């Protein structure tokens, strides 16, 4: 019976200390350390907006790592016909400039088919 009371007391003390530390940390202005989970930010640096009549198409170069030109993907969106769908046309892992060249060439192909494309 004494053992049970002692265990209960120890558990209560641990909970109390934990709570007291949290309250003390708030009073002292101590913040929790930042989370160690890191998200890789995807950035889109180049976008072509193309229109023909009532249709809109978009060509985007998506970079996997901010500040690095590879790896990259050239994504094509048919915004009016298939909203939300992404078609990856090309991908480069090692060759810098490949995605930019492919996106530019594809926008020129759309222009040759009568589309009007801008690169804002």
C-alpha atoms as a PDB file:
ATOM      1  CA  UNK A   1       0.000   0.000   0.000  1.00  0.00           C
ATOM      2  CA  UNK A   2       2.825   2.410   0.749  1.00  0.00           C
ATOM      3  CA  UNK A   3       4.389   1.553  -2.612  1.00  0.00           C
ATOM      4  CA  UNK A   4       1.182   2.433  -4.406  1.00  0.00           C
ATOM      5  CA  UNK A   5       0.958   5.763  -2.604  1.00  0.00           C
ATOM      6  CA  UNK A   6       4.619   6.497  -3.402  1.00  0.00           C
ATOM      7  CA  UNK A   7       4.128   5.698  -7.092  1.00  0.00           C
ATOM      8  CA  UNK A   8       1.058   7.891  -7.181  1.00  0.00           C
ATOM      9  CA  UNK A   9       2.971  10.701  -5.507  1.00  0.00           C
ATOM     10  CA  UNK A  10       5.888  10.384  -7.951  1.00  0.00           C
ATOM     11  CA  UNK A  11       3.535  10.455 -10.924  1.00  0.00           C
ATOM     12  CA  UNK A  12       1.732  13.488  -9.514  1.00  0.00           C
ATOM     13  CA  UNK A  13       5.079  15.214  -8.898  1.00  0.00           C
ATOM     14  CA  UNK A  14       6.207  14.562 -12.473  1.00  0.00           C
ATOM     15  CA  UNK A  15       3.000  16.029 -13.845  1.00  0.00           C
ATOM     16  CA  UNK A  16       3.304  18.998 -11.525  1.00  0.00           C
ATOM     17  CA  UNK A  17       6.930  19.642 -12.506  1.00  0.00           C
ATOM     18  CA  UNK A  18       6.075  19.419 -16.168  1.00  0.00           C
ATOM     19  CA  UNK A  19       3.261  21.905 -15.728  1.00  0.00           C
ATOM     20  CA  UNK A  20       5.401  24.202 -13.595  1.00  0.00           C
ATOM     21  CA  UNK A  21       8.183  24.225 -16.177  1.00  0.00           C
ATOM     22  CA  UNK A  22       5.688  25.103 -18.927  1.00  0.00           C
ATOM     23  CA  UNK A  23       4.275  27.955 -16.845  1.00  0.00           C
ATOM     24  CA  UNK A  24       7.775  29.138 -15.917  1.00  0.00           C
ATOM     25  CA  UNK A  25       8.870  29.021 -19.558  1.00  0.00           C
ATOM     26  CA  UNK A  26       5.944  31.226 -20.518  1.00  0.00           C
ATOM     27  CA  UNK A  27       6.752  33.715 -17.744  1.00  0.00           C
ATOM     28  CA  UNK A  28      10.422  33.835 -18.786  1.00  0.00           C
ATOM     29  CA  UNK A  29       9.548  34.263 -22.465  1.00  0.00           C
ATOM     30  CA  UNK A  30      11.200  30.959 -23.408  1.00  0.00           C
ATOM     31  CA  UNK A  31       9.820  29.474 -26.587  1.00  0.00           C
ATOM     32  CA  UNK A  32       9.816  25.873 -27.707  1.00  0.00           C
ATOM     33  CA  UNK A  33      12.566  24.931 -30.154  1.00  0.00           C
ATOM     34  CA  UNK A  34      11.438  25.036 -33.776  1.00  0.00           C
ATOM     35  CA  UNK A  35      10.098  21.891 -35.370  1.00  0.00           C
ATOM     36  CA  UNK A  36      12.680  19.708 -37.055  1.00  0.00           C
ATOM     37  CA  UNK A  37      10.343  18.895 -39.939  1.00  0.00           C
ATOM     38  CA  UNK A  38      11.559  20.684 -43.033  1.00  0.00           C
ATOM     39  CA  UNK A  39       9.395  21.120 -46.103  1.00  0.00           C
ATOM     40  CA  UNK A  40      11.036  21.505 -49.475  1.00  0.00           C
ATOM     41  CA  UNK A  41       9.682  24.641 -51.048  1.00  0.00           C
ATOM     42  CA  UNK A  42       8.810  24.348 -54.682  1.00  0.00           C
ATOM     43  CA  UNK A  43       9.194  27.507 -56.675  1.00  0.00           C
ATOM     44  CA  UNK A  44       7.899  28.410 -60.075  1.00  0.00           C
ATOM     45  CA  UNK A  45      10.127  30.941 -61.794  1.00  0.00           C
ATOM     46  CA  UNK A  46       8.867  30.940 -65.385  1.00  0.00           C
ATOM     47  CA  UNK A  47       5.235  30.988 -66.480  1.00  0.00           C
ATOM     48  CA  UNK A  48       3.783  31.381 -69.958  1.00  0.00           C
ATOM     49  CA  UNK A  49       0.088  32.279 -70.165  1.00  0.00           C
ATOM     50  CA  UNK A  50      -1.467  31.362 -73.525  1.00  0.00           C
ATOM     51  CA  UNK A  51      -4.967  32.115 -74.836  1.00  0.00           C
ATOM     52  CA  UNK A  52      -6.960  31.225 -77.937  1.00  0.00           C
ATOM     53  CA  UNK A  53     -10.579  32.348 -78.151  1.00  0.00           C
ATOM     54  CA  UNK A  54     -12.052  31.370 -74.751  1.00  0.00           C
ATOM     55  CA  UNK A  55      -9.360  28.806 -73.883  1.00  0.00           C
ATOM     56  CA  UNK A  56      -6.434  29.318 -71.518  1.00  0.00           C
ATOM     57  CA  UNK A  57      -3.269  27.256 -71.310  1.00  0.00           C
ATOM     58  CA  UNK A  58      -0.334  27.670 -68.972  1.00  0.00           C
ATOM     59  CA  UNK A  59       3.274  26.463 -69.187  1.00  0.00           C
ATOM     60  CA  UNK A  60       5.236  26.555 -65.930  1.00  0.00           C
ATOM     61  CA  UNK A  61       8.743  25.606 -64.983  1.00  0.00           C
ATOM     62  CA  UNK A  62       8.773  24.165 -61.487  1.00  0.00           C
ATOM     63  CA  UNK A  63      12.029  23.934 -59.571  1.00  0.00           C
ATOM     64  CA  UNK A  64      12.300  21.331 -56.813  1.00  0.00           C
ATOM     65  CA  UNK A  65      14.808  23.338 -54.764  1.00  0.00           C
ATOM     66  CA  UNK A  66      14.707  27.085 -54.266  1.00  0.00           C
ATOM     67  CA  UNK A  67      17.772  28.713 -55.761  1.00  0.00           C
ATOM     68  CA  UNK A  68      18.712  25.724 -57.956  1.00  0.00           C
ATOM     69  CA  UNK A  69      17.873  25.338 -61.643  1.00  0.00           C
ATOM     70  CA  UNK A  70      17.818  21.523 -61.505  1.00  0.00           C
ATOM     71  CA  UNK A  71      15.970  19.345 -60.906  1.00  0.00           C
ATOM     72  CA  UNK A  72      13.110  20.984 -62.751  1.00  0.00           C
ATOM     73  CA  UNK A  73       9.910  20.109 -64.577  1.00  0.00           C
ATOM     74  CA  UNK A  74       7.970  21.763 -67.384  1.00  0.00           C
ATOM     75  CA  UNK A  75       4.280  21.520 -66.508  1.00  0.00           C
ATOM     76  CA  UNK A  76       1.400  22.192 -68.887  1.00  0.00           C
ATOM     77  CA  UNK A  77      -2.079  23.173 -67.732  1.00  0.00           C
ATOM     78  CA  UNK A  78      -5.280  23.329 -69.790  1.00  0.00           C
ATOM     79  CA  UNK A  79      -6.971  25.691 -67.354  1.00  0.00           C
ATOM     80  CA  UNK A  80     -10.346  26.000 -69.117  1.00  0.00           C
ATOM     81  CA  UNK A  81     -10.710  22.438 -70.440  1.00  0.00           C
ATOM     82  CA  UNK A  82      -9.154  20.453 -67.567  1.00  0.00           C
ATOM     83  CA  UNK A  83      -8.909  22.714 -64.495  1.00  0.00           C
ATOM     84  CA  UNK A  84      -6.507  21.462 -61.854  1.00  0.00           C
ATOM     85  CA  UNK A  85      -4.893  18.799 -64.059  1.00  0.00           C
ATOM     86  CA  UNK A  86      -1.133  18.925 -64.536  1.00  0.00           C
ATOM     87  CA  UNK A  87       0.713  17.358 -67.450  1.00  0.00           C
ATOM     88  CA  UNK A  88       4.475  17.164 -66.955  1.00  0.00           C
ATOM     89  CA  UNK A  89       5.974  17.471 -70.424  1.00  0.00           C
ATOM     90  CA  UNK A  90       9.701  17.423 -69.601  1.00  0.00           C
ATOM     91  CA  UNK A  91      11.909  16.875 -66.580  1.00  0.00           C
ATOM     92  CA  UNK A  92      15.626  17.524 -66.081  1.00  0.00           C
ATOM     93  CA  UNK A  93      17.776  16.263 -63.234  1.00  0.00           C
ATOM     94  CA  UNK A  94      21.236  17.433 -64.300  1.00  0.00           C
ATOM     95  CA  UNK A  95      21.145  19.656 -67.400  1.00  0.00           C
ATOM     96  CA  UNK A  96      20.807  23.330 -66.498  1.00  0.00           C
ATOM     97  CA  UNK A  97      18.738  25.381 -68.938  1.00  0.00           C
ATOM     98  CA  UNK A  98      16.909  22.360 -70.368  1.00  0.00           C
ATOM     99  CA  UNK A  99      13.528  23.182 -68.815  1.00  0.00           C
ATOM    100  CA  UNK A 100      13.782  26.837 -69.825  1.00  0.00           C
ATOM    101  CA  UNK A 101      14.587  25.897 -73.448  1.00  0.00           C
ATOM    102  CA  UNK A 102      11.760  23.352 -73.624  1.00  0.00           C
ATOM    103  CA  UNK A 103       9.193  25.769 -72.141  1.00  0.00           C
ATOM    104  CA  UNK A 104      10.210  28.548 -74.551  1.00  0.00           C
ATOM    105  CA  UNK A 105      10.115  26.190 -77.557  1.00  0.00           C
ATOM    106  CA  UNK A 106       6.691  24.861 -76.560  1.00  0.00           C
ATOM    107  CA  UNK A 107       5.296  28.375 -76.147  1.00  0.00           C
ATOM    108  CA  UNK A 108       6.585  29.175 -79.658  1.00  0.00           C
ATOM    109  CA  UNK A 109       4.866  26.048 -80.975  1.00  0.00           C
ATOM    110  CA  UNK A 110       1.560  27.174 -79.431  1.00  0.00           C
ATOM    111  CA  UNK A 111       2.044  30.609 -81.013  1.00  0.00           C
ATOM    112  CA  UNK A 112       2.582  28.936 -84.409  1.00  0.00           C
ATOM    113  CA  UNK A 113      -0.787  27.200 -83.904  1.00  0.00           C
ATOM    114  CA  UNK A 114      -2.518  30.551 -83.369  1.00  0.00           C
ATOM    115  CA  UNK A 115      -2.260  30.921 -79.605  1.00  0.00           C
ATOM    116  CA  UNK A 116      -1.223  34.209 -78.007  1.00  0.00           C
ATOM    117  CA  UNK A 117       1.361  33.638 -75.257  1.00  0.00           C
ATOM    118  CA  UNK A 118       2.805  36.062 -72.733  1.00  0.00           C
ATOM    119  CA  UNK A 119       5.573  35.608 -70.215  1.00  0.00           C
ATOM    120  CA  UNK A 120       4.666  38.081 -67.433  1.00  0.00           C
END
